[in-house]
Amino acid sequence: AIADVVDGAYDSWVLFESGSFSSDAIQVSVATVSGDSTVIEGCTTADFIFVRPTTDIDNDLTINYTITGTATEGVDFPALPNPIYFAPGEDTVVITLAPIQDNLVEGIESVIITCIIINECGDTIVSTGTVWIIDKPTIVIDAPNIDAVCSNDSIQMTASASGGFAPYTYTWSNGQ
């Protein structure tokens, strides 16, 4: 602390070293292929990334977390490991959420993981990560129904796709 006397009054300042404040909280973040915390049932996955402070890196650490949201564990996605364990020297643990393709129209569902830590000072620190699960859109193929009269007939075939996720890839087969 520094004090200064100006006109008979004391002004005081407290100086803090840069980076001297830290929290013993577990940080939860989300990583997806899309980069926007959205995953598609049966197509993409999300990683919940748990990072612990390096101030406690030499000790093992077990963390419990809660799962909330509108998606149901064991129905909309397989059960996730809980608690998670940090081995000594390990600062990051990743668990993967793989939404199950259930062919139900449910709209957007959420999975929220929350870690609550009470540090040595008695402060409650909360960190959350949220993943949004969307239904896999149906691809609709528009193709004419053409019946060949003879096996040697030549017919022009066309098809177009809509729905799903573009770009589309077409694979043609001669039926052999």
N, C-alpha and C. Protein backbone atom coordinates (compact mmCIF):
# COMPACT_ATOMS: atom_id res chain seq x y z
N ALA A 1 0.85 -1.17 0.00
CA ALA A 1 0.00 0.00 0.00
C ALA A 1 0.89 1.23 0.00
N ILE A 2 0.43 2.25 -0.67
CA ILE A 2 1.15 3.51 -0.74
C ILE A 2 0.23 4.59 -0.21
N ALA A 3 0.78 5.49 0.60
CA ALA A 3 -0.02 6.60 1.12
C ALA A 3 0.60 7.90 0.65
N ASP A 4 -0.22 8.91 0.50
CA ASP A 4 0.23 10.21 0.05
C ASP A 4 -0.51 11.26 0.87
N VAL A 5 0.19 12.30 1.25
CA VAL A 5 -0.45 13.36 2.01
C VAL A 5 -0.64 14.56 1.08
N VAL A 6 -1.89 14.96 0.90
CA VAL A 6 -2.19 16.13 0.08
C VAL A 6 -3.10 17.03 0.91
N ASP A 7 -2.67 18.27 1.16
CA ASP A 7 -3.44 19.24 1.94
C ASP A 7 -3.89 18.67 3.29
N GLY A 8 -3.03 17.91 3.94
CA GLY A 8 -3.34 17.37 5.25
C GLY A 8 -4.23 16.14 5.23
N ALA A 9 -4.67 15.69 4.05
CA ALA A 9 -5.52 14.49 3.96
C ALA A 9 -4.68 13.36 3.37
N TYR A 10 -5.02 12.17 3.78
CA TYR A 10 -4.30 11.01 3.28
C TYR A 10 -5.06 10.39 2.10
N ASP A 11 -4.36 10.22 1.03
CA ASP A 11 -4.85 9.41 -0.09
C ASP A 11 -4.03 8.13 -0.06
N SER A 12 -4.68 7.03 -0.27
CA SER A 12 -3.91 5.79 -0.28
C SER A 12 -4.31 4.94 -1.47
N TRP A 13 -3.37 4.19 -1.94
CA TRP A 13 -3.59 3.27 -3.06
C TRP A 13 -3.08 1.90 -2.65
N VAL A 14 -3.69 0.94 -3.21
CA VAL A 14 -3.21 -0.43 -3.02
C VAL A 14 -2.75 -0.92 -4.38
N LEU A 15 -1.54 -1.40 -4.46
CA LEU A 15 -1.00 -1.91 -5.72
C LEU A 15 -1.04 -3.43 -5.70
N PHE A 16 -1.41 -4.00 -6.81
CA PHE A 16 -1.43 -5.45 -6.94
C PHE A 16 -0.53 -5.85 -8.09
N GLU A 17 0.17 -6.90 -7.88
CA GLU A 17 1.03 -7.43 -8.93
C GLU A 17 0.14 -8.01 -10.04
N SER A 18 0.55 -7.78 -11.27
CA SER A 18 -0.20 -8.32 -12.41
C SER A 18 -0.26 -9.84 -12.31
N GLY A 19 -1.45 -10.40 -12.49
CA GLY A 19 -1.63 -11.85 -12.44
C GLY A 19 -1.67 -12.41 -11.03
N SER A 20 -1.73 -11.55 -10.01
CA SER A 20 -1.71 -12.05 -8.64
C SER A 20 -3.07 -12.56 -8.18
N PHE A 21 -4.13 -12.27 -8.94
CA PHE A 21 -5.45 -12.81 -8.62
C PHE A 21 -5.66 -14.07 -9.42
N SER A 22 -6.07 -15.11 -8.76
CA SER A 22 -6.39 -16.35 -9.48
C SER A 22 -7.53 -17.03 -8.76
N SER A 23 -8.14 -17.95 -9.47
CA SER A 23 -9.27 -18.67 -8.90
C SER A 23 -8.97 -20.15 -8.95
N ASP A 24 -9.37 -20.86 -7.92
CA ASP A 24 -9.17 -22.30 -7.89
C ASP A 24 -10.35 -23.01 -8.52
N ALA A 25 -10.92 -22.43 -9.55
CA ALA A 25 -12.12 -22.99 -10.18
C ALA A 25 -11.75 -23.89 -11.34
N ILE A 26 -12.62 -24.85 -11.58
CA ILE A 26 -12.53 -25.66 -12.78
C ILE A 26 -13.26 -24.88 -13.87
N GLN A 27 -12.62 -24.68 -14.99
CA GLN A 27 -13.25 -23.99 -16.11
C GLN A 27 -13.81 -25.03 -17.07
N VAL A 28 -15.07 -24.85 -17.46
CA VAL A 28 -15.73 -25.75 -18.39
C VAL A 28 -15.96 -25.00 -19.70
N SER A 29 -15.53 -25.58 -20.80
CA SER A 29 -15.80 -25.00 -22.11
C SER A 29 -16.25 -26.10 -23.05
N VAL A 30 -16.71 -25.69 -24.23
CA VAL A 30 -17.25 -26.63 -25.20
C VAL A 30 -16.55 -26.45 -26.53
N ALA A 31 -16.27 -27.55 -27.22
CA ALA A 31 -15.70 -27.51 -28.57
C ALA A 31 -16.52 -28.42 -29.47
N THR A 32 -16.91 -27.90 -30.63
CA THR A 32 -17.64 -28.69 -31.63
C THR A 32 -17.01 -28.45 -32.99
N VAL A 33 -17.35 -29.33 -33.93
CA VAL A 33 -16.85 -29.17 -35.30
C VAL A 33 -17.35 -27.86 -35.90
N SER A 34 -18.59 -27.51 -35.60
CA SER A 34 -19.19 -26.29 -36.16
C SER A 34 -18.63 -25.04 -35.50
N GLY A 35 -18.03 -25.17 -34.32
CA GLY A 35 -17.48 -24.03 -33.62
C GLY A 35 -18.50 -23.17 -32.91
N ASP A 36 -19.79 -23.59 -32.93
CA ASP A 36 -20.82 -22.75 -32.32
C ASP A 36 -21.60 -23.47 -31.22
N SER A 37 -21.06 -24.52 -30.66
CA SER A 37 -21.65 -25.32 -29.58
C SER A 37 -22.92 -26.06 -30.00
N THR A 38 -23.11 -26.25 -31.31
CA THR A 38 -24.27 -26.99 -31.82
C THR A 38 -23.80 -28.31 -32.42
N VAL A 39 -24.54 -29.38 -32.10
CA VAL A 39 -24.26 -30.70 -32.68
C VAL A 39 -25.53 -31.26 -33.28
N ILE A 40 -25.38 -32.23 -34.16
CA ILE A 40 -26.51 -32.84 -34.85
C ILE A 40 -26.62 -34.29 -34.42
N GLU A 41 -27.85 -34.69 -34.06
CA GLU A 41 -28.08 -36.08 -33.64
C GLU A 41 -27.51 -37.06 -34.66
N GLY A 42 -26.71 -37.99 -34.17
CA GLY A 42 -26.18 -39.06 -35.01
C GLY A 42 -25.10 -38.64 -35.98
N CYS A 43 -24.72 -37.36 -36.01
CA CYS A 43 -23.73 -36.89 -36.99
C CYS A 43 -22.47 -36.33 -36.35
N THR A 44 -22.63 -35.42 -35.40
CA THR A 44 -21.46 -34.75 -34.84
C THR A 44 -21.44 -34.90 -33.33
N THR A 45 -20.29 -34.62 -32.75
CA THR A 45 -20.10 -34.73 -31.31
C THR A 45 -19.63 -33.40 -30.75
N ALA A 46 -19.66 -33.29 -29.44
CA ALA A 46 -19.14 -32.11 -28.75
C ALA A 46 -18.21 -32.58 -27.64
N ASP A 47 -17.19 -31.80 -27.39
CA ASP A 47 -16.28 -32.07 -26.28
C ASP A 47 -16.53 -31.06 -25.17
N PHE A 48 -16.76 -31.56 -23.97
CA PHE A 48 -16.76 -30.72 -22.78
C PHE A 48 -15.32 -30.76 -22.26
N ILE A 49 -14.72 -29.59 -22.14
CA ILE A 49 -13.31 -29.49 -21.75
C ILE A 49 -13.24 -28.90 -20.34
N PHE A 50 -12.68 -29.69 -19.44
CA PHE A 50 -12.51 -29.27 -18.04
C PHE A 50 -11.04 -28.91 -17.85
N VAL A 51 -10.78 -27.70 -17.38
CA VAL A 51 -9.41 -27.26 -17.15
C VAL A 51 -9.30 -26.80 -15.70
N ARG A 52 -8.29 -27.33 -15.03
CA ARG A 52 -8.09 -26.93 -13.63
C ARG A 52 -6.93 -25.96 -13.54
N PRO A 53 -6.92 -25.18 -12.47
CA PRO A 53 -5.83 -24.20 -12.32
C PRO A 53 -4.49 -24.89 -12.14
N THR A 54 -3.46 -24.28 -12.67
CA THR A 54 -2.12 -24.87 -12.56
C THR A 54 -1.56 -24.75 -11.15
N THR A 55 -2.22 -23.97 -10.28
CA THR A 55 -1.72 -23.82 -8.91
C THR A 55 -1.84 -25.12 -8.12
N ASP A 56 -2.69 -26.05 -8.59
CA ASP A 56 -2.90 -27.31 -7.88
C ASP A 56 -2.57 -28.50 -8.77
N ILE A 57 -1.66 -28.31 -9.71
CA ILE A 57 -1.39 -29.32 -10.74
C ILE A 57 -0.67 -30.56 -10.18
N ASP A 58 0.01 -30.44 -9.06
CA ASP A 58 0.80 -31.56 -8.54
C ASP A 58 -0.04 -32.59 -7.78
N ASN A 59 -1.29 -32.29 -7.52
CA ASN A 59 -2.15 -33.20 -6.76
C ASN A 59 -3.20 -33.82 -7.67
N ASP A 60 -3.69 -34.99 -7.26
CA ASP A 60 -4.83 -35.55 -7.99
C ASP A 60 -6.09 -34.80 -7.55
N LEU A 61 -7.10 -34.80 -8.43
CA LEU A 61 -8.31 -34.04 -8.16
C LEU A 61 -9.49 -34.76 -8.77
N THR A 62 -10.56 -34.94 -7.99
CA THR A 62 -11.79 -35.54 -8.47
C THR A 62 -12.88 -34.47 -8.42
N ILE A 63 -13.58 -34.29 -9.53
CA ILE A 63 -14.60 -33.25 -9.63
C ILE A 63 -15.93 -33.88 -10.02
N ASN A 64 -16.97 -33.56 -9.26
CA ASN A 64 -18.35 -33.91 -9.62
C ASN A 64 -18.96 -32.71 -10.35
N TYR A 65 -19.85 -33.00 -11.28
CA TYR A 65 -20.55 -31.94 -11.98
C TYR A 65 -22.01 -32.33 -12.12
N THR A 66 -22.84 -31.37 -12.46
CA THR A 66 -24.26 -31.67 -12.69
C THR A 66 -24.57 -31.51 -14.17
N ILE A 67 -25.54 -32.31 -14.62
CA ILE A 67 -26.02 -32.22 -15.99
C ILE A 67 -27.47 -31.77 -15.93
N THR A 68 -27.77 -30.68 -16.61
CA THR A 68 -29.14 -30.20 -16.73
C THR A 68 -29.40 -29.91 -18.21
N GLY A 69 -30.54 -29.35 -18.49
CA GLY A 69 -30.91 -29.04 -19.86
C GLY A 69 -32.13 -29.86 -20.25
N THR A 70 -32.53 -29.75 -21.50
CA THR A 70 -33.74 -30.42 -21.97
C THR A 70 -33.48 -31.81 -22.53
N ALA A 71 -32.25 -32.13 -22.89
CA ALA A 71 -31.91 -33.48 -23.37
C ALA A 71 -31.77 -34.41 -22.17
N THR A 72 -32.07 -35.69 -22.38
CA THR A 72 -32.04 -36.67 -21.30
C THR A 72 -30.86 -37.62 -21.46
N GLU A 73 -30.04 -37.67 -20.41
CA GLU A 73 -28.89 -38.58 -20.41
C GLU A 73 -29.39 -40.01 -20.47
N GLY A 74 -28.77 -40.82 -21.32
CA GLY A 74 -29.17 -42.21 -21.49
C GLY A 74 -30.25 -42.39 -22.54
N VAL A 75 -30.90 -41.31 -22.96
CA VAL A 75 -31.93 -41.36 -24.00
C VAL A 75 -31.48 -40.57 -25.22
N ASP A 76 -31.12 -39.31 -25.01
CA ASP A 76 -30.68 -38.44 -26.09
C ASP A 76 -29.17 -38.50 -26.32
N PHE A 77 -28.43 -38.95 -25.34
CA PHE A 77 -26.99 -39.12 -25.44
C PHE A 77 -26.56 -40.16 -24.40
N PRO A 78 -25.49 -40.92 -24.68
CA PRO A 78 -25.02 -41.92 -23.71
C PRO A 78 -24.57 -41.26 -22.41
N ALA A 79 -24.61 -42.03 -21.34
CA ALA A 79 -24.19 -41.53 -20.03
C ALA A 79 -22.75 -41.02 -20.10
N LEU A 80 -22.51 -39.93 -19.43
CA LEU A 80 -21.18 -39.33 -19.37
C LEU A 80 -20.50 -39.71 -18.06
N PRO A 81 -19.17 -39.84 -18.07
CA PRO A 81 -18.47 -40.20 -16.84
C PRO A 81 -18.58 -39.07 -15.80
N ASN A 82 -18.98 -39.43 -14.61
CA ASN A 82 -19.10 -38.45 -13.53
C ASN A 82 -18.89 -39.19 -12.22
N PRO A 83 -17.88 -38.84 -11.43
CA PRO A 83 -17.03 -37.66 -11.52
C PRO A 83 -15.93 -37.82 -12.56
N ILE A 84 -15.20 -36.71 -12.78
CA ILE A 84 -14.01 -36.77 -13.62
C ILE A 84 -12.79 -36.69 -12.72
N TYR A 85 -11.70 -37.25 -13.21
CA TYR A 85 -10.49 -37.37 -12.39
C TYR A 85 -9.32 -36.71 -13.11
N PHE A 86 -8.62 -35.84 -12.40
CA PHE A 86 -7.37 -35.24 -12.89
C PHE A 86 -6.23 -35.95 -12.18
N ALA A 87 -5.34 -36.56 -12.93
CA ALA A 87 -4.14 -37.17 -12.35
C ALA A 87 -3.14 -36.06 -12.05
N PRO A 88 -2.18 -36.30 -11.13
CA PRO A 88 -1.15 -35.30 -10.88
C PRO A 88 -0.45 -34.91 -12.19
N GLY A 89 -0.29 -33.61 -12.41
CA GLY A 89 0.34 -33.12 -13.62
C GLY A 89 -0.62 -32.90 -14.78
N GLU A 90 -1.85 -33.36 -14.65
CA GLU A 90 -2.85 -33.24 -15.71
C GLU A 90 -3.71 -32.00 -15.46
N ASP A 91 -3.75 -31.09 -16.45
CA ASP A 91 -4.53 -29.87 -16.25
C ASP A 91 -5.84 -29.87 -17.04
N THR A 92 -6.02 -30.82 -17.97
CA THR A 92 -7.21 -30.83 -18.82
C THR A 92 -7.78 -32.24 -18.92
N VAL A 93 -9.12 -32.34 -18.80
CA VAL A 93 -9.84 -33.59 -19.03
C VAL A 93 -10.95 -33.28 -20.03
N VAL A 94 -11.10 -34.14 -21.03
CA VAL A 94 -12.11 -33.94 -22.06
C VAL A 94 -13.07 -35.12 -22.05
N ILE A 95 -14.38 -34.83 -22.02
CA ILE A 95 -15.38 -35.88 -22.18
C ILE A 95 -16.21 -35.54 -23.42
N THR A 96 -16.58 -36.56 -24.17
CA THR A 96 -17.26 -36.35 -25.45
C THR A 96 -18.74 -36.69 -25.33
N LEU A 97 -19.56 -35.79 -25.84
CA LEU A 97 -21.01 -35.97 -25.91
C LEU A 97 -21.33 -36.39 -27.34
N ALA A 98 -21.98 -37.54 -27.51
CA ALA A 98 -22.34 -38.06 -28.84
C ALA A 98 -23.85 -38.25 -28.89
N PRO A 99 -24.59 -37.25 -29.38
CA PRO A 99 -26.06 -37.34 -29.41
C PRO A 99 -26.53 -38.54 -30.24
N ILE A 100 -27.56 -39.20 -29.75
CA ILE A 100 -28.12 -40.38 -30.40
C ILE A 100 -29.17 -39.97 -31.42
N GLN A 101 -29.06 -40.53 -32.64
CA GLN A 101 -30.08 -40.29 -33.67
C GLN A 101 -31.31 -41.12 -33.32
N ASP A 102 -32.36 -40.45 -32.87
CA ASP A 102 -33.56 -41.17 -32.43
C ASP A 102 -34.73 -41.04 -33.41
N ASN A 103 -34.53 -40.30 -34.50
CA ASN A 103 -35.57 -40.11 -35.53
C ASN A 103 -36.85 -39.51 -34.99
N LEU A 104 -36.76 -38.77 -33.90
CA LEU A 104 -37.91 -38.05 -33.35
C LEU A 104 -37.72 -36.56 -33.61
N VAL A 105 -38.80 -35.88 -33.92
CA VAL A 105 -38.74 -34.43 -34.09
C VAL A 105 -38.93 -33.81 -32.71
N GLU A 106 -37.83 -33.32 -32.15
CA GLU A 106 -37.85 -32.80 -30.78
C GLU A 106 -37.52 -31.31 -30.71
N GLY A 107 -37.08 -30.75 -31.78
CA GLY A 107 -36.62 -29.37 -31.73
C GLY A 107 -35.24 -29.32 -31.11
N ILE A 108 -34.81 -28.13 -30.78
CA ILE A 108 -33.47 -27.96 -30.21
C ILE A 108 -33.49 -28.36 -28.74
N GLU A 109 -32.53 -29.22 -28.37
CA GLU A 109 -32.38 -29.66 -26.98
C GLU A 109 -31.05 -29.15 -26.46
N SER A 110 -30.93 -29.08 -25.14
CA SER A 110 -29.70 -28.58 -24.55
C SER A 110 -29.12 -29.58 -23.55
N VAL A 111 -27.81 -29.54 -23.42
CA VAL A 111 -27.08 -30.28 -22.38
C VAL A 111 -26.18 -29.24 -21.72
N ILE A 112 -26.37 -29.06 -20.41
CA ILE A 112 -25.61 -28.06 -19.67
C ILE A 112 -24.84 -28.77 -18.56
N ILE A 113 -23.53 -28.62 -18.58
CA ILE A 113 -22.69 -29.18 -17.52
C ILE A 113 -22.24 -28.02 -16.63
N THR A 114 -22.43 -28.20 -15.34
CA THR A 114 -22.07 -27.16 -14.37
C THR A 114 -21.14 -27.73 -13.31
N CYS A 115 -20.03 -27.04 -13.09
CA CYS A 115 -19.11 -27.36 -11.99
C CYS A 115 -19.24 -26.26 -10.95
N ILE A 116 -19.44 -26.67 -9.72
CA ILE A 116 -19.49 -25.71 -8.62
C ILE A 116 -18.36 -26.06 -7.66
N ILE A 117 -17.50 -25.09 -7.43
CA ILE A 117 -16.35 -25.29 -6.55
C ILE A 117 -16.43 -24.26 -5.44
N ILE A 118 -16.17 -24.68 -4.22
CA ILE A 118 -16.03 -23.75 -3.10
C ILE A 118 -14.54 -23.72 -2.77
N ASN A 119 -13.93 -22.57 -2.99
CA ASN A 119 -12.48 -22.49 -2.79
C ASN A 119 -12.12 -22.37 -1.31
N GLU A 120 -10.82 -22.28 -1.04
CA GLU A 120 -10.33 -22.23 0.34
C GLU A 120 -10.83 -21.01 1.09
N CYS A 121 -11.20 -19.97 0.38
CA CYS A 121 -11.71 -18.74 1.02
C CYS A 121 -13.21 -18.81 1.25
N GLY A 122 -13.85 -19.90 0.85
CA GLY A 122 -15.29 -20.04 1.02
C GLY A 122 -16.11 -19.44 -0.11
N ASP A 123 -15.44 -18.99 -1.18
CA ASP A 123 -16.14 -18.43 -2.33
C ASP A 123 -16.71 -19.55 -3.20
N THR A 124 -17.94 -19.39 -3.66
CA THR A 124 -18.54 -20.36 -4.57
C THR A 124 -18.30 -19.89 -6.00
N ILE A 125 -17.66 -20.74 -6.78
CA ILE A 125 -17.31 -20.41 -8.16
C ILE A 125 -18.01 -21.41 -9.07
N VAL A 126 -18.76 -20.89 -10.04
CA VAL A 126 -19.56 -21.71 -10.94
C VAL A 126 -19.02 -21.56 -12.36
N SER A 127 -18.87 -22.68 -13.06
CA SER A 127 -18.48 -22.66 -14.46
C SER A 127 -19.40 -23.62 -15.22
N THR A 128 -19.90 -23.18 -16.37
CA THR A 128 -20.81 -24.02 -17.15
C THR A 128 -20.39 -24.09 -18.60
N GLY A 129 -20.82 -25.16 -19.23
CA GLY A 129 -20.67 -25.34 -20.68
C GLY A 129 -21.99 -25.85 -21.21
N THR A 130 -22.44 -25.31 -22.34
CA THR A 130 -23.73 -25.70 -22.92
C THR A 130 -23.54 -26.18 -24.34
N VAL A 131 -24.20 -27.30 -24.66
CA VAL A 131 -24.24 -27.84 -26.02
C VAL A 131 -25.69 -27.86 -26.46
N TRP A 132 -25.93 -27.47 -27.71
CA TRP A 132 -27.27 -27.49 -28.30
C TRP A 132 -27.33 -28.64 -29.29
N ILE A 133 -28.33 -29.50 -29.12
CA ILE A 133 -28.51 -30.66 -30.01
C ILE A 133 -29.68 -30.37 -30.95
N ILE A 134 -29.43 -30.50 -32.25
CA ILE A 134 -30.51 -30.32 -33.21
C ILE A 134 -30.79 -31.64 -33.90
N ASP A 135 -32.05 -31.79 -34.34
CA ASP A 135 -32.44 -33.00 -35.06
C ASP A 135 -31.74 -33.05 -36.41
N LYS A 136 -31.45 -34.26 -36.83
CA LYS A 136 -30.85 -34.46 -38.15
C LYS A 136 -31.93 -34.20 -39.19
N PRO A 137 -31.74 -33.21 -40.06
CA PRO A 137 -32.77 -32.93 -41.05
C PRO A 137 -32.85 -34.03 -42.10
N THR A 138 -34.04 -34.24 -42.59
CA THR A 138 -34.29 -35.28 -43.59
C THR A 138 -33.89 -34.77 -44.97
N ILE A 139 -33.18 -35.59 -45.71
CA ILE A 139 -32.86 -35.27 -47.10
C ILE A 139 -33.99 -35.81 -47.96
N VAL A 140 -34.51 -34.96 -48.82
CA VAL A 140 -35.58 -35.35 -49.73
C VAL A 140 -34.99 -35.45 -51.12
N ILE A 141 -35.17 -36.61 -51.76
CA ILE A 141 -34.69 -36.83 -53.12
C ILE A 141 -35.87 -36.73 -54.06
N ASP A 142 -35.77 -35.87 -55.04
CA ASP A 142 -36.81 -35.71 -56.05
C ASP A 142 -36.30 -36.35 -57.33
N ALA A 143 -36.89 -37.49 -57.68
CA ALA A 143 -36.49 -38.21 -58.89
C ALA A 143 -37.75 -38.80 -59.54
N PRO A 144 -37.80 -38.76 -60.85
CA PRO A 144 -38.98 -39.33 -61.51
C PRO A 144 -39.01 -40.85 -61.37
N ASN A 145 -40.21 -41.40 -61.33
CA ASN A 145 -40.38 -42.85 -61.27
C ASN A 145 -40.46 -43.35 -62.71
N ILE A 146 -39.37 -43.93 -63.17
CA ILE A 146 -39.29 -44.38 -64.57
C ILE A 146 -39.15 -45.89 -64.58
N ASP A 147 -40.01 -46.54 -65.34
CA ASP A 147 -39.92 -47.99 -65.50
C ASP A 147 -39.39 -48.29 -66.89
N ALA A 148 -38.31 -49.06 -66.95
CA ALA A 148 -37.77 -49.49 -68.25
C ALA A 148 -38.59 -50.66 -68.75
N VAL A 149 -38.92 -50.61 -70.03
CA VAL A 149 -39.71 -51.69 -70.62
C VAL A 149 -38.82 -52.90 -70.88
N CYS A 150 -37.66 -52.69 -71.40
CA CYS A 150 -36.72 -53.77 -71.68
C CYS A 150 -35.38 -53.47 -71.01
N SER A 151 -34.64 -54.50 -70.73
CA SER A 151 -33.37 -54.30 -70.05
C SER A 151 -32.37 -53.55 -70.90
N ASN A 152 -32.57 -53.50 -72.19
CA ASN A 152 -31.65 -52.80 -73.08
C ASN A 152 -32.08 -51.35 -73.32
N ASP A 153 -33.21 -50.92 -72.75
CA ASP A 153 -33.68 -49.55 -72.94
C ASP A 153 -32.71 -48.56 -72.31
N SER A 154 -32.62 -47.40 -72.93
CA SER A 154 -31.79 -46.32 -72.40
C SER A 154 -32.73 -45.22 -71.93
N ILE A 155 -32.54 -44.78 -70.66
CA ILE A 155 -33.41 -43.77 -70.08
C ILE A 155 -32.54 -42.72 -69.40
N GLN A 156 -32.90 -41.46 -69.62
CA GLN A 156 -32.18 -40.40 -68.93
C GLN A 156 -32.73 -40.28 -67.51
N MET A 157 -31.86 -40.32 -66.50
CA MET A 157 -32.25 -40.21 -65.10
C MET A 157 -31.81 -38.86 -64.55
N THR A 158 -32.64 -38.26 -63.75
CA THR A 158 -32.30 -37.02 -63.06
C THR A 158 -32.75 -37.14 -61.61
N ALA A 159 -32.09 -36.41 -60.76
CA ALA A 159 -32.48 -36.36 -59.34
C ALA A 159 -31.98 -35.06 -58.76
N SER A 160 -32.69 -34.58 -57.76
CA SER A 160 -32.23 -33.40 -57.02
C SER A 160 -32.55 -33.61 -55.55
N ALA A 161 -31.73 -33.01 -54.73
CA ALA A 161 -31.88 -33.18 -53.28
C ALA A 161 -32.21 -31.85 -52.63
N SER A 162 -32.93 -31.94 -51.52
CA SER A 162 -33.20 -30.76 -50.70
C SER A 162 -33.26 -31.21 -49.24
N GLY A 163 -33.22 -30.26 -48.34
CA GLY A 163 -33.17 -30.60 -46.92
C GLY A 163 -31.76 -31.04 -46.55
N GLY A 164 -31.61 -31.61 -45.39
CA GLY A 164 -30.29 -32.06 -44.97
C GLY A 164 -29.30 -30.91 -44.93
N PHE A 165 -28.05 -31.23 -45.22
CA PHE A 165 -27.00 -30.23 -45.24
C PHE A 165 -26.26 -30.29 -46.56
N ALA A 166 -26.31 -29.21 -47.31
CA ALA A 166 -25.55 -29.12 -48.56
C ALA A 166 -24.08 -28.91 -48.19
N PRO A 167 -23.14 -29.20 -49.06
CA PRO A 167 -23.31 -29.66 -50.42
C PRO A 167 -23.66 -31.15 -50.45
N TYR A 168 -24.31 -31.56 -51.51
CA TYR A 168 -24.74 -32.94 -51.68
C TYR A 168 -23.75 -33.68 -52.58
N THR A 169 -23.62 -34.96 -52.33
CA THR A 169 -22.80 -35.82 -53.18
C THR A 169 -23.71 -36.89 -53.75
N TYR A 170 -23.63 -37.09 -55.05
CA TYR A 170 -24.48 -38.08 -55.72
C TYR A 170 -23.61 -39.25 -56.17
N THR A 171 -24.10 -40.46 -55.92
CA THR A 171 -23.42 -41.66 -56.38
C THR A 171 -24.42 -42.46 -57.19
N TRP A 172 -24.07 -42.72 -58.44
CA TRP A 172 -24.98 -43.48 -59.32
C TRP A 172 -24.47 -44.90 -59.46
N SER A 173 -25.39 -45.83 -59.60
CA SER A 173 -25.05 -47.23 -59.77
C SER A 173 -25.85 -47.80 -60.93
N ASN A 174 -25.27 -48.78 -61.61
CA ASN A 174 -25.98 -49.42 -62.71
C ASN A 174 -26.84 -50.60 -62.23
N GLY A 175 -26.94 -50.78 -60.96
CA GLY A 175 -27.80 -51.84 -60.41
C GLY A 175 -27.14 -53.21 -60.35
N GLN A 176 -25.94 -53.34 -60.83
CA GLN A 176 -25.25 -54.63 -60.81
C GLN A 176 -24.86 -54.92 -59.39
